[in-house]
PDB file of N, CA and C in Angstrom:
ATOM      1  N   UNK A   1      22.017-284.200  85.800  1.00  0.00           N
ATOM      2  CA  UNK A   1      23.362-284.759  85.736  1.00  0.00           C
ATOM      3  C   UNK A   1      23.971-284.686  87.138  1.00  0.00           C
ATOM      4  N   UNK A   2      24.495-285.808  87.607  1.00  0.00           N
ATOM      5  CA  UNK A   2      25.114-285.832  88.927  1.00  0.00           C
ATOM      6  C   UNK A   2      26.560-285.328  88.843  1.00  0.00           C
ATOM      7  N   UNK A   3      27.169-285.132  90.000  1.00  0.00           N
ATOM      8  CA  UNK A   3      28.517-284.559  90.050  1.00  0.00           C
ATOM      9  C   UNK A   3      29.569-285.457  89.395  1.00  0.00           C
ATOM     10  N   UNK A   4      29.354-286.768  89.418  1.00  0.00           N
ATOM     11  CA  UNK A   4      30.328-287.690  88.823  1.00  0.00           C
ATOM     12  C   UNK A   4      30.283-287.597  87.295  1.00  0.00           C
ATOM     13  N   UNK A   5      29.083-287.568  86.747  1.00  0.00           N
ATOM     14  CA  UNK A   5      28.935-287.420  85.296  1.00  0.00           C
ATOM     15  C   UNK A   5      29.485-286.065  84.846  1.00  0.00           C
ATOM     16  N   UNK A   6      29.266-285.033  85.660  1.00  0.00           N
ATOM     17  CA  UNK A   6      29.786-283.708  85.322  1.00  0.00           C
ATOM     18  C   UNK A   6      31.320-283.723  85.330  1.00  0.00           C
ATOM     19  N   UNK A   7      31.908-284.358  86.324  1.00  0.00           N
ATOM     20  CA  UNK A   7      33.371-284.439  86.393  1.00  0.00           C
ATOM     21  C   UNK A   7      33.929-285.159  85.168  1.00  0.00           C
ATOM     22  N   UNK A   8      33.272-286.235  84.759  1.00  0.00           N
ATOM     23  CA  UNK A   8      33.699-286.974  83.571  1.00  0.00           C
ATOM     24  C   UNK A   8      33.577-286.087  82.337  1.00  0.00           C
ATOM     25  N   UNK A   9      32.460-285.387  82.205  1.00  0.00           N
ATOM     26  CA  UNK A   9      32.265-284.482  81.072  1.00  0.00           C
ATOM     27  C   UNK A   9      33.283-283.361  81.035  1.00  0.00           C
ATOM     28  N   UNK A  10      33.580-282.797  82.198  1.00  0.00           N
ATOM     29  CA  UNK A  10      34.583-281.726  82.276  1.00  0.00           C
ATOM     30  C   UNK A  10      35.960-282.228  81.857  1.00  0.00           C
ATOM     31  N   UNK A  11      36.296-283.431  82.297  1.00  0.00           N
ATOM     32  CA  UNK A  11      37.601-283.996  81.943  1.00  0.00           C
ATOM     33  C   UNK A  11      37.669-284.310  80.448  1.00  0.00           C
ATOM     34  N   UNK A  12      36.573-284.803  79.888  1.00  0.00           N
ATOM     35  CA  UNK A  12      36.519-285.047  78.437  1.00  0.00           C
ATOM     36  C   UNK A  12      36.754-283.749  77.677  1.00  0.00           C
ATOM     37  N   UNK A  13      36.109-282.667  78.112  1.00  0.00           N
ATOM     38  CA  UNK A  13      36.264-281.373  77.452  1.00  0.00           C
ATOM     39  C   UNK A  13      37.696-280.858  77.579  1.00  0.00           C
ATOM     40  N   UNK A  14      38.303-281.056  78.748  1.00  0.00           N
ATOM     41  CA  UNK A  14      39.677-280.630  78.963  1.00  0.00           C
ATOM     42  C   UNK A  14      40.624-281.384  78.037  1.00  0.00           C
ATOM     43  N   UNK A  15      40.417-282.682  77.917  1.00  0.00           N
ATOM     44  CA  UNK A  15      41.274-283.495  77.044  1.00  0.00           C
ATOM     45  C   UNK A  15      41.107-283.068  75.589  1.00  0.00           C
ATOM     46  N   UNK A  16      39.867-282.840  75.182  1.00  0.00           N
ATOM     47  CA  UNK A  16      39.608-282.373  73.810  1.00  0.00           C
ATOM     48  C   UNK A  16      40.317-281.063  73.534  1.00  0.00           C
ATOM     49  N   UNK A  17      40.202-280.126  74.468  1.00  0.00           N
ATOM     50  CA  UNK A  17      40.838-278.814  74.293  1.00  0.00           C
ATOM     51  C   UNK A  17      42.358-278.959  74.217  1.00  0.00           C
ATOM     52  N   UNK A  18      42.901-279.795  75.059  1.00  0.00           N
ATOM     53  CA  UNK A  18      44.353-280.004  75.047  1.00  0.00           C
ATOM     54  C   UNK A  18      44.805-280.638  73.740  1.00  0.00           C
ATOM     55  N   UNK A  19      44.024-281.566  73.227  1.00  0.00           N
ATOM     56  CA  UNK A  19      44.368-282.211  71.959  1.00  0.00           C
ATOM     57  C   UNK A  19      44.332-281.197  70.821  1.00  0.00           C
ATOM     58  N   UNK A  20      43.321-280.343  70.825  1.00  0.00           N
ATOM     59  CA  UNK A  20      43.212-279.311  69.780  1.00  0.00           C
ATOM     60  C   UNK A  20      44.369-278.322  69.862  1.00  0.00           C
ATOM     61  N   UNK A  21      44.824-278.056  71.078  1.00  0.00           N
ATOM     62  CA  UNK A  21      45.945-277.131  71.281  1.00  0.00           C
ATOM     63  C   UNK A  21      47.291-277.813  71.078  1.00  0.00           C
ATOM     64  N   UNK A  22      47.245-279.113  70.795  1.00  0.00           N
ATOM     65  CA  UNK A  22      48.449-279.917  70.637  1.00  0.00           C
ATOM     66  C   UNK A  22      49.349-279.818  71.861  1.00  0.00           C
ATOM     67  N   UNK A  23      48.724-279.981  73.024  1.00  0.00           N
ATOM     68  CA  UNK A  23      49.449-279.948  74.300  1.00  0.00           C
ATOM     69  C   UNK A  23      50.312-281.195  74.440  1.00  0.00           C
ATOM     70  N   UNK A  24      51.036-281.255  75.535  1.00  0.00           N
ATOM     71  CA  UNK A  24      51.945-282.362  75.819  1.00  0.00           C
ATOM     72  C   UNK A  24      51.204-283.702  75.741  1.00  0.00           C
ATOM     73  N   UNK A  25      51.671-284.570  74.856  1.00  0.00           N
ATOM     74  CA  UNK A  25      51.006-285.859  74.636  1.00  0.00           C
ATOM     75  C   UNK A  25      51.018-286.735  75.882  1.00  0.00           C
ATOM     76  N   UNK A  26      52.083-286.667  76.650  1.00  0.00           N
ATOM     77  CA  UNK A  26      52.165-287.471  77.874  1.00  0.00           C
ATOM     78  C   UNK A  26      51.082-287.043  78.865  1.00  0.00           C
ATOM     79  N   UNK A  27      50.900-285.745  79.006  1.00  0.00           N
ATOM     80  CA  UNK A  27      49.875-285.228  79.913  1.00  0.00           C
ATOM     81  C   UNK A  27      48.472-285.620  79.429  1.00  0.00           C
ATOM     82  N   UNK A  28      48.265-285.562  78.125  1.00  0.00           N
ATOM     83  CA  UNK A  28      46.971-285.966  77.556  1.00  0.00           C
ATOM     84  C   UNK A  28      46.719-287.444  77.826  1.00  0.00           C
ATOM     85  N   UNK A  29      47.729-288.277  77.617  1.00  0.00           N
ATOM     86  CA  UNK A  29      47.586-289.710  77.870  1.00  0.00           C
ATOM     87  C   UNK A  29      47.279-289.997  79.338  1.00  0.00           C
ATOM     88  N   UNK A  30      47.927-289.279  80.242  1.00  0.00           N
ATOM     89  CA  UNK A  30      47.650-289.454  81.677  1.00  0.00           C
ATOM     90  C   UNK A  30      46.214-289.069  82.011  1.00  0.00           C
ATOM     91  N   UNK A  31      45.750-287.974  81.428  1.00  0.00           N
ATOM     92  CA  UNK A  31      44.367-287.550  81.664  1.00  0.00           C
ATOM     93  C   UNK A  31      43.370-288.531  81.041  1.00  0.00           C
ATOM     94  N   UNK A  32      43.722-289.096  79.887  1.00  0.00           N
ATOM     95  CA  UNK A  32      42.851-290.089  79.266  1.00  0.00           C
ATOM     96  C   UNK A  32      42.737-291.338  80.135  1.00  0.00           C
ATOM     97  N   UNK A  33      43.843-291.750  80.770  1.00  0.00           N
ATOM     98  CA  UNK A  33      43.796-292.898  81.665  1.00  0.00           C
ATOM     99  C   UNK A  33      42.936-292.572  82.888  1.00  0.00           C
ATOM    100  N   UNK A  34      43.111-291.371  83.424  1.00  0.00           N
ATOM    101  CA  UNK A  34      42.282-290.942  84.556  1.00  0.00           C
ATOM    102  C   UNK A  34      40.807-290.958  84.164  1.00  0.00           C
ATOM    103  N   UNK A  35      40.509-290.501  82.956  1.00  0.00           N
ATOM    104  CA  UNK A  35      39.137-290.493  82.464  1.00  0.00           C
ATOM    105  C   UNK A  35      38.579-291.912  82.374  1.00  0.00           C
ATOM    106  N   UNK A  36      39.363-292.836  81.863  1.00  0.00           N
ATOM    107  CA  UNK A  36      38.906-294.225  81.755  1.00  0.00           C
ATOM    108  C   UNK A  36      38.638-294.829  83.131  1.00  0.00           C
ATOM    109  N   UNK A  37      39.474-294.495  84.097  1.00  0.00           N
ATOM    110  CA  UNK A  37      39.259-294.983  85.465  1.00  0.00           C
ATOM    111  C   UNK A  37      37.977-294.396  86.038  1.00  0.00           C
ATOM    112  N   UNK A  38      37.779-293.094  85.861  1.00  0.00           N
ATOM    113  CA  UNK A  38      36.546-292.458  86.358  1.00  0.00           C
ATOM    114  C   UNK A  38      35.304-293.051  85.693  1.00  0.00           C
ATOM    115  N   UNK A  39      35.389-293.298  84.404  1.00  0.00           N
ATOM    116  CA  UNK A  39      34.257-293.910  83.695  1.00  0.00           C
ATOM    117  C   UNK A  39      33.954-295.300  84.246  1.00  0.00           C
ATOM    118  N   UNK A  40      35.003-296.090  84.473  1.00  0.00           N
ATOM    119  CA  UNK A  40      34.816-297.450  84.986  1.00  0.00           C
ATOM    120  C   UNK A  40      34.215-297.423  86.386  1.00  0.00           C
ATOM    121  N   UNK A  41      34.721-296.548  87.251  1.00  0.00           N
ATOM    122  CA  UNK A  41      34.170-296.428  88.601  1.00  0.00           C
ATOM    123  C   UNK A  41      32.703-296.007  88.550  1.00  0.00           C
ATOM    124  N   UNK A  42      32.411-295.036  87.716  1.00  0.00           N
ATOM    125  CA  UNK A  42      31.042-294.525  87.602  1.00  0.00           C
ATOM    126  C   UNK A  42      30.104-295.609  87.064  1.00  0.00           C
ATOM    127  N   UNK A  43      30.557-296.325  86.050  1.00  0.00           N
ATOM    128  CA  UNK A  43      29.744-297.392  85.466  1.00  0.00           C
ATOM    129  C   UNK A  43      29.445-298.468  86.507  1.00  0.00           C
ATOM    130  N   UNK A  44      30.479-298.873  87.245  1.00  0.00           N
ATOM    131  CA  UNK A  44      30.290-299.895  88.276  1.00  0.00           C
ATOM    132  C   UNK A  44      29.372-299.390  89.390  1.00  0.00           C
ATOM    133  N   UNK A  45      29.546-298.144  89.802  1.00  0.00           N
ATOM    134  CA  UNK A  45      28.726-297.589  90.878  1.00  0.00           C
ATOM    135  C   UNK A  45      27.266-297.451  90.449  1.00  0.00           C
ATOM    136  N   UNK A  46      27.016-296.964  89.242  1.00  0.00           N
ATOM    137  CA  UNK A  46      25.626-296.792  88.805  1.00  0.00           C
ATOM    138  C   UNK A  46      24.953-298.143  88.558  1.00  0.00           C
ATOM    139  N   UNK A  47      25.715-299.122  88.073  1.00  0.00           N
ATOM    140  CA  UNK A  47      25.148-300.470  87.908  1.00  0.00           C
ATOM    141  C   UNK A  47      24.794-301.070  89.260  1.00  0.00           C
ATOM    142  N   UNK A  48      25.701-300.934  90.238  1.00  0.00           N
ATOM    143  CA  UNK A  48      25.432-301.458  91.575  1.00  0.00           C
ATOM    144  C   UNK A  48      24.260-300.726  92.215  1.00  0.00           C
ATOM    145  N   UNK A  49      24.185-299.429  92.017  1.00  0.00           N
ATOM    146  CA  UNK A  49      23.073-298.640  92.549  1.00  0.00           C
ATOM    147  C   UNK A  49      21.742-299.171  92.030  1.00  0.00           C
ATOM    148  N   UNK A  50      21.692-299.437  90.740  1.00  0.00           N
ATOM    149  CA  UNK A  50      20.467-299.945  90.120  1.00  0.00           C
ATOM    150  C   UNK A  50      20.084-301.318  90.678  1.00  0.00           C
ATOM    151  N   UNK A  51      21.052-302.207  90.791  1.00  0.00           N
ATOM    152  CA  UNK A  51      20.796-303.551  91.324  1.00  0.00           C
ATOM    153  C   UNK A  51      20.317-303.459  92.769  1.00  0.00           C
ATOM    154  N   UNK A  52      20.953-302.601  93.530  1.00  0.00           N
ATOM    155  CA  UNK A  52      20.621-302.464  94.945  1.00  0.00           C
ATOM    156  C   UNK A  52      19.251-301.878  95.218  1.00  0.00           C
ATOM    157  N   UNK A  53      18.718-301.170  94.249  1.00  0.00           N
ATOM    158  CA  UNK A  53      17.370-300.615  94.419  1.00  0.00           C
ATOM    159  C   UNK A  53      16.357-301.727  94.645  1.00  0.00           C
ATOM    160  N   UNK A  54      16.663-302.919  94.151  1.00  0.00           N
ATOM    161  CA  UNK A  54      15.754-304.065  94.277  1.00  0.00           C
ATOM    162  C   UNK A  54      16.271-305.110  95.264  1.00  0.00           C
ATOM    163  N   UNK A  55      17.303-304.767  96.022  1.00  0.00           N
ATOM    164  CA  UNK A  55      17.934-305.761  96.884  1.00  0.00           C
ATOM    165  C   UNK A  55      18.202-305.165  98.267  1.00  0.00           C
ATOM    166  N   UNK A  56      17.326-305.472  99.203  1.00  0.00           N
ATOM    167  CA  UNK A  56      17.466-304.928 100.554  1.00  0.00           C
ATOM    168  C   UNK A  56      18.718-305.420 101.265  1.00  0.00           C
ATOM    169  N   UNK A  57      19.195-306.610 100.917  1.00  0.00           N
ATOM    170  CA  UNK A  57      20.410-307.127 101.549  1.00  0.00           C
ATOM    171  C   UNK A  57      21.630-306.282 101.177  1.00  0.00           C
ATOM    172  N   UNK A  58      21.699-305.844  99.936  1.00  0.00           N
ATOM    173  CA  UNK A  58      22.799-304.974  99.539  1.00  0.00           C
ATOM    174  C   UNK A  58      22.725-303.647 100.278  1.00  0.00           C
ATOM    175  N   UNK A  59      21.530-303.109 100.394  1.00  0.00           N
ATOM    176  CA  UNK A  59      21.351-301.851 101.127  1.00  0.00           C
ATOM    177  C   UNK A  59      21.805-302.011 102.574  1.00  0.00           C
ATOM    178  N   UNK A  60      21.412-303.103 103.191  1.00  0.00           N
ATOM    179  CA  UNK A  60      21.797-303.373 104.578  1.00  0.00           C
ATOM    180  C   UNK A  60      23.309-303.512 104.699  1.00  0.00           C
ATOM    181  N   UNK A  61      23.916-304.190 103.758  1.00  0.00           N
ATOM    182  CA  UNK A  61      25.354-304.390 103.791  1.00  0.00           C
ATOM    183  C   UNK A  61      26.101-303.062 103.677  1.00  0.00           C
ATOM    184  N   UNK A  62      25.603-302.173 102.846  1.00  0.00           N
ATOM    185  CA  UNK A  62      26.243-300.865 102.699  1.00  0.00           C
ATOM    186  C   UNK A  62      26.195-300.108 104.021  1.00  0.00           C
ATOM    187  N   UNK A  63      25.065-300.175 104.682  1.00  0.00           N
ATOM    188  CA  UNK A  63      24.912-299.514 105.980  1.00  0.00           C
ATOM    189  C   UNK A  63      25.849-300.153 107.007  1.00  0.00           C
ATOM    190  N   UNK A  64      25.884-301.494 107.034  1.00  0.00           N
ATOM    191  CA  UNK A  64      26.737-302.199 107.996  1.00  0.00           C
ATOM    192  C   UNK A  64      28.214-301.885 107.786  1.00  0.00           C
ATOM    193  N   UNK A  65      28.593-301.599 106.571  1.00  0.00           N
ATOM    194  CA  UNK A  65      29.991-301.256 106.277  1.00  0.00           C
ATOM    195  C   UNK A  65      30.301-299.796 106.624  1.00  0.00           C
ATOM    196  N   UNK A  66      29.278-299.057 107.030  1.00  0.00           N
ATOM    197  CA  UNK A  66      29.492-297.679 107.457  1.00  0.00           C
ATOM    198  C   UNK A  66      29.350-296.629 106.375  1.00  0.00           C
ATOM    199  N   UNK A  67      28.805-297.001 105.232  1.00  0.00           N
ATOM    200  CA  UNK A  67      28.655-296.039 104.134  1.00  0.00           C
ATOM    201  C   UNK A  67      27.340-295.279 104.175  1.00  0.00           C
ATOM    202  N   UNK A  68      26.395-295.745 104.954  1.00  0.00           N
ATOM    203  CA  UNK A  68      25.118-295.047 105.070  1.00  0.00           C
ATOM    204  C   UNK A  68      24.068-295.587 104.113  1.00  0.00           C
ATOM    205  N   UNK A  69      23.072-294.775 103.891  1.00  0.00           N
ATOM    206  CA  UNK A  69      21.924-295.151 103.068  1.00  0.00           C
ATOM    207  C   UNK A  69      22.323-295.394 101.615  1.00  0.00           C
ATOM    208  N   UNK A  70      21.402-295.997 100.869  1.00  0.00           N
ATOM    209  CA  UNK A  70      21.628-296.379  99.482  1.00  0.00           C
ATOM    210  C   UNK A  70      21.460-295.169  98.568  1.00  0.00           C
ATOM    211  N   UNK A  71      22.550-294.435  98.365  1.00  0.00           N
ATOM    212  CA  UNK A  71      22.567-293.278  97.469  1.00  0.00           C
ATOM    213  C   UNK A  71      23.746-293.428  96.518  1.00  0.00           C
ATOM    214  N   UNK A  72      23.734-292.679  95.441  1.00  0.00           N
ATOM    215  CA  UNK A  72      24.848-292.742  94.494  1.00  0.00           C
ATOM    216  C   UNK A  72      26.161-292.376  95.181  1.00  0.00           C
ATOM    217  N   UNK A  73      26.160-291.333  95.992  1.00  0.00           N
ATOM    218  CA  UNK A  73      27.395-290.926  96.666  1.00  0.00           C
ATOM    219  C   UNK A  73      27.955-292.052  97.530  1.00  0.00           C
ATOM    220  N   UNK A  74      27.093-292.719  98.282  1.00  0.00           N
ATOM    221  CA  UNK A  74      27.560-293.766  99.187  1.00  0.00           C
ATOM    222  C   UNK A  74      27.982-295.027  98.437  1.00  0.00           C
ATOM    223  N   UNK A  75      27.236-295.382  97.398  1.00  0.00           N
ATOM    224  CA  UNK A  75      27.600-296.548  96.593  1.00  0.00           C
ATOM    225  C   UNK A  75      28.907-296.268  95.847  1.00  0.00           C
ATOM    226  N   UNK A  76      29.051-295.072  95.318  1.00  0.00           N
ATOM    227  CA  UNK A  76      30.294-294.697  94.634  1.00  0.00           C
ATOM    228  C   UNK A  76      31.470-294.767  95.615  1.00  0.00           C
ATOM    229  N   UNK A  77      31.257-294.279  96.832  1.00  0.00           N
ATOM    230  CA  UNK A  77      32.323-294.324  97.843  1.00  0.00           C
ATOM    231  C   UNK A  77      32.746-295.768  98.108  1.00  0.00           C
ATOM    232  N   UNK A  78      31.772-296.674  98.204  1.00  0.00           N
ATOM    233  CA  UNK A  78      32.098-298.083  98.406  1.00  0.00           C
ATOM    234  C   UNK A  78      32.918-298.622  97.235  1.00  0.00           C
ATOM    235  N   UNK A  79      32.455-298.380  96.011  1.00  0.00           N
ATOM    236  CA  UNK A  79      33.149-298.882  94.817  1.00  0.00           C
ATOM    237  C   UNK A  79      34.560-298.300  94.746  1.00  0.00           C
ATOM    238  N   UNK A  80      34.679-297.012  94.991  1.00  0.00           N
ATOM    239  CA  UNK A  80      35.982-296.352  94.938  1.00  0.00           C
ATOM    240  C   UNK A  80      36.929-296.940  95.980  1.00  0.00           C
ATOM    241  N   UNK A  81      36.475-296.999  97.231  1.00  0.00           N
ATOM    242  CA  UNK A  81      37.346-297.484  98.301  1.00  0.00           C
ATOM    243  C   UNK A  81      37.697-298.959  98.127  1.00  0.00           C
ATOM    244  N   UNK A  82      36.735-299.752  97.665  1.00  0.00           N
ATOM    245  CA  UNK A  82      37.021-301.165  97.407  1.00  0.00           C
ATOM    246  C   UNK A  82      38.052-301.288  96.282  1.00  0.00           C
ATOM    247  N   UNK A  83      37.969-300.428  95.298  1.00  0.00           N
ATOM    248  CA  UNK A  83      38.923-300.453  94.182  1.00  0.00           C
ATOM    249  C   UNK A  83      40.323-300.098  94.645  1.00  0.00           C
ATOM    250  N   UNK A  84      40.418-299.073  95.453  1.00  0.00           N
ATOM    251  CA  UNK A  84      41.723-298.630  95.943  1.00  0.00           C
ATOM    252  C   UNK A  84      42.361-299.703  96.826  1.00  0.00           C
ATOM    253  N   UNK A  85      41.525-300.435  97.553  1.00  0.00           N
ATOM    254  CA  UNK A  85      42.031-301.466  98.460  1.00  0.00           C
ATOM    255  C   UNK A  85      42.347-302.792  97.777  1.00  0.00           C
ATOM    256  N   UNK A  86      41.977-302.934  96.511  1.00  0.00           N
ATOM    257  CA  UNK A  86      42.212-304.202  95.812  1.00  0.00           C
ATOM    258  C   UNK A  86      43.690-304.415  95.546  1.00  0.00           C
ATOM    259  N   UNK A  87      44.153-305.642  95.775  1.00  0.00           N
ATOM    260  CA  UNK A  87      45.541-305.924  95.373  1.00  0.00           C
ATOM    261  C   UNK A  87      45.600-305.973  93.846  1.00  0.00           C
ATOM    262  N   UNK A  88      46.597-305.342  93.296  1.00  0.00           N
ATOM    263  CA  UNK A  88      46.749-305.310  91.840  1.00  0.00           C
ATOM    264  C   UNK A  88      47.744-306.394  91.461  1.00  0.00           C
ATOM    265  N   UNK A  89      47.285-307.304  90.621  1.00  0.00           N
ATOM    266  CA  UNK A  89      48.183-308.342  90.141  1.00  0.00           C
ATOM    267  C   UNK A  89      49.149-307.730  89.141  1.00  0.00           C
ATOM    268  N   UNK A  90      50.335-308.297  89.097  1.00  0.00           N
ATOM    269  CA  UNK A  90      51.388-307.754  88.249  1.00  0.00           C
ATOM    270  C   UNK A  90      50.947-307.552  86.800  1.00  0.00           C
ATOM    271  N   UNK A  91      50.241-308.529  86.256  1.00  0.00           N
ATOM    272  CA  UNK A  91      49.872-308.464  84.844  1.00  0.00           C
ATOM    273  C   UNK A  91      48.555-307.742  84.605  1.00  0.00           C
ATOM    274  N   UNK A  92      47.963-307.202  85.655  1.00  0.00           N
ATOM    275  CA  UNK A  92      46.651-306.589  85.532  1.00  0.00           C
ATOM    276  C   UNK A  92      46.718-305.129  85.974  1.00  0.00           C
ATOM    277  N   UNK A  93      46.053-304.262  85.265  1.00  0.00           N
ATOM    278  CA  UNK A  93      46.066-302.846  85.604  1.00  0.00           C
ATOM    279  C   UNK A  93      44.969-302.521  86.612  1.00  0.00           C
ATOM    280  N   UNK A  94      45.092-301.360  87.219  1.00  0.00           N
ATOM    281  CA  UNK A  94      44.067-300.865  88.133  1.00  0.00           C
ATOM    282  C   UNK A  94      42.731-300.791  87.405  1.00  0.00           C
ATOM    283  N   UNK A  95      42.745-300.269  86.192  1.00  0.00           N
ATOM    284  CA  UNK A  95      41.528-300.173  85.393  1.00  0.00           C
ATOM    285  C   UNK A  95      40.945-301.554  85.128  1.00  0.00           C
ATOM    286  N   UNK A  96      41.783-302.512  84.809  1.00  0.00           N
ATOM    287  CA  UNK A  96      41.321-303.876  84.573  1.00  0.00           C
ATOM    288  C   UNK A  96      40.699-304.488  85.810  1.00  0.00           C
ATOM    289  N   UNK A  97      41.295-304.224  86.970  1.00  0.00           N
ATOM    290  CA  UNK A  97      40.742-304.736  88.227  1.00  0.00           C
ATOM    291  C   UNK A  97      39.351-304.166  88.474  1.00  0.00           C
ATOM    292  N   UNK A  98      39.173-302.879  88.222  1.00  0.00           N
ATOM    293  CA  UNK A  98      37.854-302.255  88.406  1.00  0.00           C
ATOM    294  C   UNK A  98      36.848-302.914  87.478  1.00  0.00           C
ATOM    295  N   UNK A  99      37.218-303.028  86.211  1.00  0.00           N
ATOM    296  CA  UNK A  99      36.293-303.592  85.222  1.00  0.00           C
ATOM    297  C   UNK A  99      35.924-305.037  85.531  1.00  0.00           C
ATOM    298  N   UNK A 100      36.860-305.800  86.095  1.00  0.00           N
ATOM    299  CA  UNK A 100      36.644-307.231  86.328  1.00  0.00           C
ATOM    300  C   UNK A 100      36.024-307.557  87.684  1.00  0.00           C
ATOM    301  N   UNK A 101      35.942-306.584  88.561  1.00  0.00           N
ATOM    302  CA  UNK A 101      35.446-306.858  89.903  1.00  0.00           C
ATOM    303  C   UNK A 101      33.920-306.865  89.935  1.00  0.00           C
ATOM    304  N   UNK A 102      33.390-307.843  90.631  1.00  0.00           N
ATOM    305  CA  UNK A 102      31.947-307.948  90.854  1.00  0.00           C
ATOM    306  C   UNK A 102      31.649-307.266  92.186  1.00  0.00           C
ATOM    307  N   UNK A 103      31.351-305.991  92.140  1.00  0.00           N
ATOM    308  CA  UNK A 103      31.134-305.219  93.368  1.00  0.00           C
ATOM    309  C   UNK A 103      29.855-305.637  94.081  1.00  0.00           C
ATOM    310  N   UNK A 104      28.897-306.137  93.354  1.00  0.00           N
ATOM    311  CA  UNK A 104      27.687-306.651  93.991  1.00  0.00           C
ATOM    312  C   UNK A 104      28.046-307.842  94.887  1.00  0.00           C
ATOM    313  N   UNK A 105      28.818-308.762  94.365  1.00  0.00           N
ATOM    314  CA  UNK A 105      29.237-309.929  95.142  1.00  0.00           C
ATOM    315  C   UNK A 105      30.125-309.513  96.301  1.00  0.00           C
ATOM    316  N   UNK A 106      31.010-308.563  96.052  1.00  0.00           N
ATOM    317  CA  UNK A 106      31.902-308.055  97.089  1.00  0.00           C
ATOM    318  C   UNK A 106      31.097-307.444  98.236  1.00  0.00           C
ATOM    319  N   UNK A 107      30.114-306.639  97.911  1.00  0.00           N
ATOM    320  CA  UNK A 107      29.275-306.015  98.931  1.00  0.00           C
ATOM    321  C   UNK A 107      28.409-307.051  99.627  1.00  0.00           C
ATOM    322  N   UNK A 108      27.827-307.957  98.875  1.00  0.00           N
ATOM    323  CA  UNK A 108      26.986-308.999  99.466  1.00  0.00           C
ATOM    324  C   UNK A 108      27.793-309.932 100.364  1.00  0.00           C
ATOM    325  N   UNK A 109      29.065-310.114 100.043  1.00  0.00           N
ATOM    326  CA  UNK A 109      29.932-310.991 100.819  1.00  0.00           C
ATOM    327  C   UNK A 109      30.138-310.527 102.242  1.00  0.00           C
ATOM    328  N   UNK A 110      29.878-309.264 102.504  1.00  0.00           N
ATOM    329  CA  UNK A 110      30.069-308.764 103.860  1.00  0.00           C
ATOM    330  C   UNK A 110      28.960-309.222 104.798  1.00  0.00           C
ATOM    331  N   UNK A 111      27.906-309.818 104.253  1.00  0.00           N
ATOM    332  CA  UNK A 111      26.795-310.289 105.080  1.00  0.00           C
ATOM    333  C   UNK A 111      27.040-311.680 105.642  1.00  0.00           C
ATOM    334  N   UNK A 112      27.989-312.383 105.059  1.00  0.00           N
ATOM    335  CA  UNK A 112      28.231-313.763 105.506  1.00  0.00           C
ATOM    336  C   UNK A 112      29.274-313.820 106.578  1.00  0.00           C
TER     337      UNK A 112
END
């Protein structure tokens, strides 16, 4: 299990414990949103990692962008930073932007 999956698991356990303790619902909801964002980032990063294993151009693009070799940490950093830098449309949430973004195309676009 990598550190990202562990962080997601730890947060899931924390939310479960808080729910069982009937903790502040607002705090639980905030943590649940954070969990959904972490899951979306992780899903996008692991999918991109898998695609890039067979695509030398993506690997090259990651290096050219300054993220280094094709590893989960570096691909996750790219996905995270690209997500944070995305303009959020008024009617769209940060989570929605992550889910809807084609990070493979975004990364490949840096080669042109």
